[in-house]
Amino acid sequence: MSIYFVSPEAAQDLQEINDYLFAKNPDIANKFLDTMIQKFEILANFPNMGRRRDELSTALRSFPVDDYLIFYQQFEEGIEIVRVVSGYRDLNALFDE
């Protein structure tokens, strides 16, 4: 079984999304986090599922979950979750930072 790590930036992304959803509906916020954790585990075991995003950063991949994108990079033991953001964001600007 492969592992996944969540970067500090991705952890902050998840917290901000969860806070936003929690204010609207706590059940939806909890379901969102559960879904993300499930996807992280799947991606750790099958890292090539995601789309290559070399136009944003070398060796970066993305995987859609509803209106969000999980950005991650593969390493020997698994993956690192780099960011979790709305698919509507300006991704070029996000990764130029």
C-alpha atoms as a PDB file:
ATOM      1  CA  MET A   1       0.000   0.000   0.000  1.00  0.00           C
ATOM      2  CA  SER A   2       1.346   3.397  -1.006  1.00  0.00           C
ATOM      3  CA  ILE A   3       1.180   6.482   1.165  1.00  0.00           C
ATOM      4  CA  TYR A   4       0.263  10.111   0.670  1.00  0.00           C
ATOM      5  CA  PHE A   5       1.469  13.305   2.287  1.00  0.00           C
ATOM      6  CA  VAL A   6      -0.466  16.556   2.367  1.00  0.00           C
ATOM      7  CA  SER A   7       1.650  19.686   1.875  1.00  0.00           C
ATOM      8  CA  PRO A   8       1.053  22.664   4.185  1.00  0.00           C
ATOM      9  CA  GLU A   9      -0.491  24.558   1.241  1.00  0.00           C
ATOM     10  CA  ALA A  10      -2.884  21.700   0.476  1.00  0.00           C
ATOM     11  CA  ALA A  11      -3.793  21.402   4.172  1.00  0.00           C
ATOM     12  CA  GLN A  12      -4.634  25.113   4.181  1.00  0.00           C
ATOM     13  CA  ASP A  13      -6.674  24.690   0.982  1.00  0.00           C
ATOM     14  CA  LEU A  14      -8.647  21.856   2.575  1.00  0.00           C
ATOM     15  CA  GLN A  15      -9.236  23.871   5.752  1.00  0.00           C
ATOM     16  CA  GLU A  16     -10.508  26.888   3.808  1.00  0.00           C
ATOM     17  CA  ILE A  17     -12.824  24.771   1.642  1.00  0.00           C
ATOM     18  CA  ASN A  18     -14.080  22.890   4.694  1.00  0.00           C
ATOM     19  CA  ASP A  19     -14.741  26.134   6.618  1.00  0.00           C
ATOM     20  CA  TYR A  20     -16.680  27.540   3.657  1.00  0.00           C
ATOM     21  CA  LEU A  21     -18.762  24.372   3.254  1.00  0.00           C
ATOM     22  CA  PHE A  22     -19.278  23.973   7.013  1.00  0.00           C
ATOM     23  CA  ALA A  23     -20.845  27.430   7.225  1.00  0.00           C
ATOM     24  CA  LYS A  24     -23.380  26.334   4.620  1.00  0.00           C
ATOM     25  CA  ASN A  25     -23.945  22.732   5.734  1.00  0.00           C
ATOM     26  CA  PRO A  26     -21.808  20.712   8.189  1.00  0.00           C
ATOM     27  CA  ASP A  27     -22.844  17.399   6.624  1.00  0.00           C
ATOM     28  CA  ILE A  28     -21.606  18.488   3.205  1.00  0.00           C
ATOM     29  CA  ALA A  29     -18.305  19.638   4.748  1.00  0.00           C
ATOM     30  CA  ASN A  30     -17.799  16.254   6.425  1.00  0.00           C
ATOM     31  CA  LYS A  31     -18.676  14.393   3.232  1.00  0.00           C
ATOM     32  CA  PHE A  32     -16.226  16.578   1.279  1.00  0.00           C
ATOM     33  CA  LEU A  33     -13.329  15.683   3.599  1.00  0.00           C
ATOM     34  CA  ASP A  34     -14.234  11.981   3.551  1.00  0.00           C
ATOM     35  CA  THR A  35     -14.354  12.021  -0.252  1.00  0.00           C
ATOM     36  CA  MET A  36     -10.989  13.779  -0.503  1.00  0.00           C
ATOM     37  CA  ILE A  37      -9.318  11.284   1.830  1.00  0.00           C
ATOM     38  CA  GLN A  38     -10.709   8.415  -0.254  1.00  0.00           C
ATOM     39  CA  LYS A  39      -9.372  10.007  -3.447  1.00  0.00           C
ATOM     40  CA  PHE A  40      -5.957  10.626  -1.861  1.00  0.00           C
ATOM     41  CA  GLU A  41      -5.723   6.940  -0.948  1.00  0.00           C
ATOM     42  CA  ILE A  42      -6.769   5.823  -4.448  1.00  0.00           C
ATOM     43  CA  LEU A  43      -4.306   8.210  -6.098  1.00  0.00           C
ATOM     44  CA  ALA A  44      -1.498   7.020  -3.824  1.00  0.00           C
ATOM     45  CA  ASN A  45      -2.096   3.479  -5.063  1.00  0.00           C
ATOM     46  CA  PHE A  46      -2.732   4.452  -8.699  1.00  0.00           C
ATOM     47  CA  PRO A  47      -0.745   7.659  -9.227  1.00  0.00           C
ATOM     48  CA  ASN A  48      -0.996   7.609 -13.015  1.00  0.00           C
ATOM     49  CA  MET A  49      -4.772   8.094 -12.882  1.00  0.00           C
ATOM     50  CA  GLY A  50      -4.389  11.846 -12.881  1.00  0.00           C
ATOM     51  CA  ARG A  51      -3.743  14.068 -15.860  1.00  0.00           C
ATOM     52  CA  ARG A  52      -0.175  15.280 -16.390  1.00  0.00           C
ATOM     53  CA  ARG A  53       0.085  19.034 -15.804  1.00  0.00           C
ATOM     54  CA  ASP A  54       3.611  19.788 -16.998  1.00  0.00           C
ATOM     55  CA  GLU A  55       2.341  23.132 -18.328  1.00  0.00           C
ATOM     56  CA  LEU A  56       1.886  24.211 -14.704  1.00  0.00           C
ATOM     57  CA  SER A  57       4.859  22.503 -13.052  1.00  0.00           C
ATOM     58  CA  THR A  58       7.200  19.638 -13.867  1.00  0.00           C
ATOM     59  CA  ALA A  59       5.913  16.203 -12.786  1.00  0.00           C
ATOM     60  CA  LEU A  60       2.610  17.678 -11.546  1.00  0.00           C
ATOM     61  CA  ARG A  61      -0.651  15.755 -12.002  1.00  0.00           C
ATOM     62  CA  SER A  62      -4.260  16.679 -11.341  1.00  0.00           C
ATOM     63  CA  PHE A  63      -7.396  14.701 -10.612  1.00  0.00           C
ATOM     64  CA  PRO A  64     -10.920  16.191 -10.588  1.00  0.00           C
ATOM     65  CA  VAL A  65     -13.347  15.709  -7.701  1.00  0.00           C
ATOM     66  CA  ASP A  66     -16.625  17.528  -8.321  1.00  0.00           C
ATOM     67  CA  ASP A  67     -15.685  21.219  -8.826  1.00  0.00           C
ATOM     68  CA  TYR A  68     -12.236  20.786  -7.268  1.00  0.00           C
ATOM     69  CA  LEU A  69      -8.858  19.630  -8.524  1.00  0.00           C
ATOM     70  CA  ILE A  70      -6.361  17.640  -6.517  1.00  0.00           C
ATOM     71  CA  PHE A  71      -2.819  18.510  -7.601  1.00  0.00           C
ATOM     72  CA  TYR A  72      -0.150  16.008  -6.641  1.00  0.00           C
ATOM     73  CA  GLN A  73       3.331  14.743  -7.416  1.00  0.00           C
ATOM     74  CA  GLN A  74       4.487  11.162  -7.364  1.00  0.00           C
ATOM     75  CA  PHE A  75       7.509   9.939  -5.420  1.00  0.00           C
ATOM     76  CA  GLU A  76       8.872   6.471  -4.738  1.00  0.00           C
ATOM     77  CA  GLU A  77       6.647   5.573  -1.767  1.00  0.00           C
ATOM     78  CA  GLY A  78       3.461   7.322  -2.926  1.00  0.00           C
ATOM     79  CA  ILE A  79       2.310  10.869  -3.617  1.00  0.00           C
ATOM     80  CA  GLU A  80       2.393  14.347  -2.156  1.00  0.00           C
ATOM     81  CA  ILE A  81      -0.828  16.342  -2.346  1.00  0.00           C
ATOM     82  CA  VAL A  82       0.429  19.754  -3.462  1.00  0.00           C
ATOM     83  CA  ARG A  83      -2.827  21.762  -3.657  1.00  0.00           C
ATOM     84  CA  VAL A  84      -6.597  21.231  -3.605  1.00  0.00           C
ATOM     85  CA  VAL A  85      -8.378  24.066  -5.374  1.00  0.00           C
ATOM     86  CA  SER A  86     -11.510  25.006  -7.244  1.00  0.00           C
ATOM     87  CA  GLY A  87     -11.312  24.081 -10.895  1.00  0.00           C
ATOM     88  CA  TYR A  88     -12.526  27.602 -11.660  1.00  0.00           C
ATOM     89  CA  ARG A  89      -9.354  29.262 -10.348  1.00  0.00           C
ATOM     90  CA  ASP A  90      -6.683  30.725 -12.594  1.00  0.00           C
ATOM     91  CA  LEU A  91      -4.336  27.758 -12.415  1.00  0.00           C
ATOM     92  CA  ASN A  92      -1.469  29.435 -14.235  1.00  0.00           C
ATOM     93  CA  ALA A  93      -1.469  32.273 -11.715  1.00  0.00           C
ATOM     94  CA  LEU A  94      -1.728  29.796  -8.827  1.00  0.00           C
ATOM     95  CA  PHE A  95       1.372  27.872  -9.862  1.00  0.00           C
ATOM     96  CA  ASP A  96       3.335  30.972 -10.855  1.00  0.00           C
ATOM     97  CA  GLU A  97       3.354  32.023  -7.181  1.00  0.00           C
END
